[in-house]
Structure formats: structure tokens, C-alpha cells
C-alpha atoms as a PDB file:
ATOM      1  CA  MET A   1      16.269   2.938 -21.349  1.00  0.00           C
ATOM      2  CA  LYS A   2      14.681   5.878 -21.541  1.00  0.00           C
ATOM      3  CA  LYS A   3      10.897   4.597 -21.844  1.00  0.00           C
ATOM      4  CA  GLN A   4      11.577   2.079 -18.665  1.00  0.00           C
ATOM      5  CA  LEU A   5      13.183   5.270 -16.684  1.00  0.00           C
ATOM      6  CA  THR A   6      10.328   7.366 -17.573  1.00  0.00           C
ATOM      7  CA  MET A   7       7.836   4.521 -16.832  1.00  0.00           C
ATOM      8  CA  ILE A   8       9.672   4.010 -13.372  1.00  0.00           C
ATOM      9  CA  ILE A   9       9.854   7.689 -12.243  1.00  0.00           C
ATOM     10  CA  ALA A  10       5.965   8.117 -13.209  1.00  0.00           C
ATOM     11  CA  GLY A  11       4.969   5.078 -11.120  1.00  0.00           C
ATOM     12  CA  GLY A  12       6.815   5.601  -8.486  1.00  0.00           C
ATOM     13  CA  ILE A  13       4.767   9.572  -8.704  1.00  0.00           C
ATOM     14  CA  LEU A  14       1.376   7.889  -9.426  1.00  0.00           C
ATOM     15  CA  SER A  15       2.410   5.294  -6.075  1.00  0.00           C
ATOM     16  CA  LEU A  16       2.224   8.377  -3.979  1.00  0.00           C
ATOM     17  CA  LEU A  17      -1.154   9.027  -5.255  1.00  0.00           C
ATOM     18  CA  VAL A  18      -2.399   5.477  -4.364  1.00  0.00           C
ATOM     19  CA  ILE A  19      -0.607   6.217  -0.621  1.00  0.00           C
ATOM     20  CA  ALA A  20      -2.855   9.181  -0.400  1.00  0.00           C
ATOM     21  CA  ALA A  21      -6.310   7.048  -1.912  1.00  0.00           C
ATOM     22  CA  PHE A  22      -5.286   4.881   0.959  1.00  0.00           C
ATOM     23  CA  LEU A  23      -5.028   7.372   3.773  1.00  0.00           C
ATOM     24  CA  PHE A  24      -7.481   9.991   3.585  1.00  0.00           C
ATOM     25  CA  PRO A  25     -10.272   7.642   4.483  1.00  0.00           C
ATOM     26  CA  ILE A  26      -9.252   7.642   7.634  1.00  0.00           C
ATOM     27  CA  ALA A  27     -10.524  11.323   7.165  1.00  0.00           C
ATOM     28  CA  PRO A  28     -14.364  12.138   7.327  1.00  0.00           C
ATOM     29  CA  GLY A  29     -15.596  10.565   4.960  1.00  0.00           C
ATOM     30  CA  ILE A  30     -19.352  10.932   5.450  1.00  0.00           C
ATOM     31  CA  VAL A  31     -20.602  14.401   7.220  1.00  0.00           C
ATOM     32  CA  ARG A  32     -24.249  14.732   9.258  1.00  0.00           C
ATOM     33  CA  ALA A  33     -25.377  17.984   9.886  1.00  0.00           C
ATOM     34  CA  ALA A  34     -28.757  17.983  12.228  1.00  0.00           C
ATOM     35  CA  GLY A  35     -29.876  21.085  14.584  1.00  0.00           C
ATOM     36  CA  GLY A  36     -26.578  22.856  14.120  1.00  0.00           C
ATOM     37  CA  ILE A  37     -24.061  20.102  15.040  1.00  0.00           C
ATOM     38  CA  ASN A  38     -21.961  18.498  12.985  1.00  0.00           C
ATOM     39  CA  GLU A  39     -21.507  14.893  13.217  1.00  0.00           C
ATOM     40  CA  THR A  40     -18.196  13.336  10.929  1.00  0.00           C
ATOM     41  CA  PHE A  41     -18.141   9.424  10.484  1.00  0.00           C
ATOM     42  CA  ALA A  42     -14.453   8.103   9.272  1.00  0.00           C
ATOM     43  CA  GLY A  43     -14.457   6.882   5.912  1.00  0.00           C
ATOM     44  CA  TYR A  44     -12.935   3.419   6.876  1.00  0.00           C
ATOM     45  CA  ASP A  45     -15.934   3.204   9.395  1.00  0.00           C
ATOM     46  CA  PHE A  46     -18.234   2.554   6.493  1.00  0.00           C
ATOM     47  CA  ILE A  47     -15.502  -0.101   4.386  1.00  0.00           C
ATOM     48  CA  PHE A  48     -15.006  -2.286   8.105  1.00  0.00           C
ATOM     49  CA  THR A  49     -18.158  -1.655   9.445  1.00  0.00           C
ATOM     50  CA  ASN A  50     -18.158   0.461  13.076  1.00  0.00           C
ATOM     51  CA  ASP A  51     -21.201  -1.122  15.150  1.00  0.00           C
ATOM     52  CA  ALA A  52     -20.558   1.589  17.797  1.00  0.00           C
ATOM     53  CA  ALA A  53     -22.012   4.134  15.022  1.00  0.00           C
ATOM     54  CA  ALA A  54     -24.809   1.824  13.900  1.00  0.00           C
ATOM     55  CA  ILE A  55     -23.016   0.970  10.265  1.00  0.00           C
ATOM     56  CA  SER A  56     -23.581  -2.727   9.287  1.00  0.00           C
ATOM     57  CA  LYS A  57     -21.874  -4.507   6.440  1.00  0.00           C
ATOM     58  CA  THR A  58     -25.020  -4.651   4.360  1.00  0.00           C
ATOM     59  CA  GLY A  59     -25.285  -1.101   3.428  1.00  0.00           C
ATOM     60  CA  VAL A  60     -21.527  -0.439   2.184  1.00  0.00           C
ATOM     61  CA  THR A  61     -20.433  -3.798   0.283  1.00  0.00           C
ATOM     62  CA  GLY A  62     -19.856  -1.240  -2.996  1.00  0.00           C
ATOM     63  CA  LEU A  63     -17.090   0.431  -0.745  1.00  0.00           C
ATOM     64  CA  ILE A  64     -16.131  -2.643   0.168  1.00  0.00           C
ATOM     65  CA  THR A  65     -15.623  -3.519  -3.175  1.00  0.00           C
ATOM     66  CA  ALA A  66     -13.877   0.034  -3.442  1.00  0.00           C
ATOM     67  CA  PHE A  67     -11.051  -0.986  -1.080  1.00  0.00           C
ATOM     68  CA  VAL A  68     -10.948  -4.384  -2.622  1.00  0.00           C
ATOM     69  CA  PHE A  69     -10.059  -2.718  -6.391  1.00  0.00           C
ATOM     70  CA  LEU A  70      -8.237  -0.040  -4.499  1.00  0.00           C
ATOM     71  CA  ILE A  71      -5.834  -3.285  -3.167  1.00  0.00           C
ATOM     72  CA  ILE A  72      -5.785  -4.559  -6.367  1.00  0.00           C
ATOM     73  CA  GLY A  73      -4.876  -1.671  -8.433  1.00  0.00           C
ATOM     74  CA  ALA A  74      -2.274  -0.522  -5.937  1.00  0.00           C
ATOM     75  CA  SER A  75      -0.690  -4.156  -6.415  1.00  0.00           C
ATOM     76  CA  PHE A  76      -0.378  -4.047 -10.376  1.00  0.00           C
ATOM     77  CA  GLY A  77       0.514  -0.641 -10.158  1.00  0.00           C
ATOM     78  CA  VAL A  78       3.616  -1.339  -7.819  1.00  0.00           C
ATOM     79  CA  LEU A  79       4.637  -4.684 -10.111  1.00  0.00           C
ATOM     80  CA  GLY A  80       3.689  -2.485 -13.127  1.00  0.00           C
ATOM     81  CA  THR A  81       6.555   0.102 -11.269  1.00  0.00           C
ATOM     82  CA  ILE A  82       8.847  -2.867 -10.667  1.00  0.00           C
ATOM     83  CA  ILE A  83       9.279  -4.665 -13.875  1.00  0.00           C
ATOM     84  CA  PRO A  84      10.734  -2.158 -15.953  1.00  0.00           C
ATOM     85  CA  LEU A  85      14.232  -2.967 -14.301  1.00  0.00           C
ATOM     86  CA  THR A  86      14.077  -5.988 -15.921  1.00  0.00           C
ATOM     87  CA  GLY A  87      13.563  -4.895 -19.169  1.00  0.00           C
ATOM     88  CA  SER A  88      10.105  -5.373 -20.241  1.00  0.00           C
ATOM     89  CA  THR A  89       8.018  -2.390 -20.882  1.00  0.00           C
ATOM     90  CA  LYS A  90       5.334  -4.101 -22.451  1.00  0.00           C
ATOM     91  CA  PHE A  91       4.582  -6.445 -19.829  1.00  0.00           C
ATOM     92  CA  SER A  92       4.768  -3.823 -17.350  1.00  0.00           C
ATOM     93  CA  GLY A  93       2.452  -1.424 -19.512  1.00  0.00           C
ATOM     94  CA  PHE A  94      -0.199  -3.800 -19.205  1.00  0.00           C
ATOM     95  CA  LEU A  95       0.151  -4.575 -15.356  1.00  0.00           C
ATOM     96  CA  ASP A  96       0.056  -0.397 -15.825  1.00  0.00           C
ATOM     97  CA  ILE A  97      -3.219  -0.404 -17.519  1.00  0.00           C
ATOM     98  CA  VAL A  98      -4.876  -2.834 -15.480  1.00  0.00           C
ATOM     99  CA  ALA A  99      -4.407  -1.445 -12.210  1.00  0.00           C
ATOM    100  CA  GLY A 100      -5.455   2.029 -14.168  1.00  0.00           C
ATOM    101  CA  LEU A 101      -8.543   0.816 -14.673  1.00  0.00           C
ATOM    102  CA  CYS A 102      -9.138  -0.700 -10.979  1.00  0.00           C
ATOM    103  CA  LEU A 103      -7.676   2.821  -9.597  1.00  0.00           C
ATOM    104  CA  ILE A 104     -10.572   4.231 -11.782  1.00  0.00           C
ATOM    105  CA  VAL A 105     -13.364   2.391 -10.650  1.00  0.00           C
ATOM    106  CA  THR A 106     -12.380   2.864  -6.946  1.00  0.00           C
ATOM    107  CA  GLY A 107     -12.446   6.487  -7.652  1.00  0.00           C
ATOM    108  CA  VAL A 108     -15.750   6.500  -9.307  1.00  0.00           C
ATOM    109  CA  LEU A 109     -17.114   4.447  -5.791  1.00  0.00           C
ATOM    110  CA  PHE A 110     -15.573   6.575  -3.474  1.00  0.00           C
ATOM    111  CA  CYS A 111     -16.558   9.914  -4.679  1.00  0.00           C
ATOM    112  CA  LEU A 112     -20.433   8.113  -4.625  1.00  0.00           C
ATOM    113  CA  ALA A 113     -19.426   7.168  -0.793  1.00  0.00           C
ATOM    114  CA  LEU A 114     -22.846   8.698   0.101  1.00  0.00           C
ATOM    115  CA  VAL A 115     -25.071   7.033  -1.873  1.00  0.00           C
ATOM    116  CA  LEU A 116     -23.381   3.543  -1.549  1.00  0.00           C
ATOM    117  CA  ALA A 117     -24.034   4.300   2.121  1.00  0.00           C
ATOM    118  CA  LYS A 118     -27.711   5.341   1.941  1.00  0.00           C
ATOM    119  CA  ASP A 119     -29.141   2.225   3.482  1.00  0.00           C
ATOM    120  CA  ASN A 120     -26.750   3.066   6.736  1.00  0.00           C
ATOM    121  CA  LEU A 121     -27.297   6.872   6.939  1.00  0.00           C
ATOM    122  CA  ALA A 122     -31.048   6.263   7.396  1.00  0.00           C
ATOM    123  CA  VAL A 123     -30.894   3.906  10.204  1.00  0.00           C
ATOM    124  CA  ILE A 124     -27.931   6.362  12.083  1.00  0.00           C
ATOM    125  CA  ASN A 125     -30.040   9.409  12.497  1.00  0.00           C
ATOM    126  CA  ASN A 126     -32.488  11.389  10.485  1.00  0.00           C
ATOM    127  CA  GLY A 127     -30.274  14.485   9.055  1.00  0.00           C
ATOM    128  CA  THR A 128     -28.599  16.166   6.205  1.00  0.00           C
ATOM    129  CA  TYR A 129     -25.663  14.226   4.840  1.00  0.00           C
ATOM    130  CA  SER A 130     -22.730  15.122   2.753  1.00  0.00           C
ATOM    131  CA  LEU A 131     -19.807  13.646   1.238  1.00  0.00           C
ATOM    132  CA  GLY A 132     -16.769  14.241   3.926  1.00  0.00           C
ATOM    133  CA  TYR A 133     -13.465  15.332   2.036  1.00  0.00           C
ATOM    134  CA  GLY A 134     -11.572  11.802   3.167  1.00  0.00           C
ATOM    135  CA  PHE A 135     -13.763   9.958   0.648  1.00  0.00           C
ATOM    136  CA  LEU A 136     -13.774  12.760  -1.569  1.00  0.00           C
ATOM    137  CA  ILE A 137      -9.646  13.287  -1.959  1.00  0.00           C
ATOM    138  CA  ALA A 138      -9.303   9.407  -1.775  1.00  0.00           C
ATOM    139  CA  GLY A 139     -11.472   9.435  -4.796  1.00  0.00           C
ATOM    140  CA  LEU A 140      -9.856  12.151  -6.218  1.00  0.00           C
ATOM    141  CA  ALA A 141      -6.159  10.637  -5.830  1.00  0.00           C
ATOM    142  CA  ALA A 142      -7.698   7.250  -7.173  1.00  0.00           C
ATOM    143  CA  LEU A 143      -8.723   8.940  -9.998  1.00  0.00           C
ATOM    144  CA  VAL A 144      -5.793  10.908 -11.006  1.00  0.00           C
ATOM    145  CA  ALA A 145      -3.741   8.082 -10.534  1.00  0.00           C
ATOM    146  CA  GLY A 146      -5.474   5.443 -12.718  1.00  0.00           C
ATOM    147  CA  LEU A 147      -5.740   8.029 -15.038  1.00  0.00           C
ATOM    148  CA  GLY A 148      -1.690   8.364 -15.223  1.00  0.00           C
ATOM    149  CA  PHE A 149      -0.990   4.581 -14.738  1.00  0.00           C
ATOM    150  CA  GLY A 150      -3.285   4.301 -18.029  1.00  0.00           C
ATOM    151  CA  VAL A 151      -1.322   6.656 -19.792  1.00  0.00           C
ATOM    152  CA  ILE A 152       2.209   5.609 -18.950  1.00  0.00           C
ATOM    153  CA  GLY A 153       0.672   1.652 -19.729  1.00  0.00           C
ATOM    154  CA  PHE A 154      -0.278   2.531 -22.863  1.00  0.00           C
ATOM    155  CA  VAL A 155       3.218   4.195 -23.849  1.00  0.00           C
ATOM    156  CA  GLY A 156       4.822   1.010 -22.248  1.00  0.00           C
ATOM    157  CA  MET A 157       2.810  -1.084 -24.742  1.00  0.00           C
ATOM    158  CA  ARG A 158       3.519   0.777 -27.622  1.00  0.00           C
ATOM    159  CA  GLY A 159       6.449  -0.058 -29.841  1.00  0.00           C
ATOM    160  CA  LYS A 160       9.298  -1.685 -28.974  1.00  0.00           C
ATOM    161  CA  ASN A 161      11.155  -2.121 -25.903  1.00  0.00           C
END
């Protein structure tokens, strides 16, 4: 019972980080500096495209993949958090490990957003581009949540229920 309660509490706390990974791409994901003017592009502009900012689908497939992995990781993480209520920590541990792997991939892809969106950035305008805090915090939150889900997944799969 102690292992199940620990997995539920840890999964709930890590779910807050997953929520942060969903929310922070609303903030500036990529910042362009040209001529003393900073222009920001929201992270979700690169995930769902934005015709007004000349961001097309062809250059951001890696970020779309990151968003899909975020959805899959969040789903498996929630299931892995709820299932210990039924008493199965091994299956819950497996789900947490899958969630952790998906969230780690998401975090890496969000942190590489500047590289993944370079084709669209050349079309927008010349200037120097930098990673905004939206993608950075979302990527770090997904990485930490992924590592946490991996740890509680291994703890859940180890030993008896």
C-alpha cells in the first residue's frame, strides 16, 4: 500500500509539470531581434502553424511530433497515476516508463525548437533568432517530468505489488 500511495502522489506532482509543458508554449517560443526590435512568436504558432506570420507546416514537423508525444506521455502518465488505485503497480510502472520516454523526447524536441524551425525562420525575415522562454520552460518541464515518471515507473516494476 505504501508503494501505491507513493506512486500516486509522485504521479500527481509530475502531472503538474506536464500541465506546465502544455501551457508554456503559449508564451514566446522563438524571439527575433532585428534592428533593435524584438519580435516574438508563440510556441504554438510553430506547432499549429500561423499563416499571418508565414509559418508553414513543412518546416515544423518536429514540433508537431513533440506535441503528439506530449499528448501520449500525458495520457500514459495519468493512467499510470490512476492504476495503482486498483492495486497493480507493475502495470502502472510500465505505463509510467512509457510516459517518461515520451516526455523526454518531447523535452528534447522543444529545446531544439530553434533548429527544427529554421526553414520557417529564414522565410519570415532576416535577423538573429533565439529560443524564447516558452519552449525552454516547456522543454525543461517535460524533461523533468519524463525523468520522474521513469523513476517511479522503475520503482513500480521492481519487486512485488
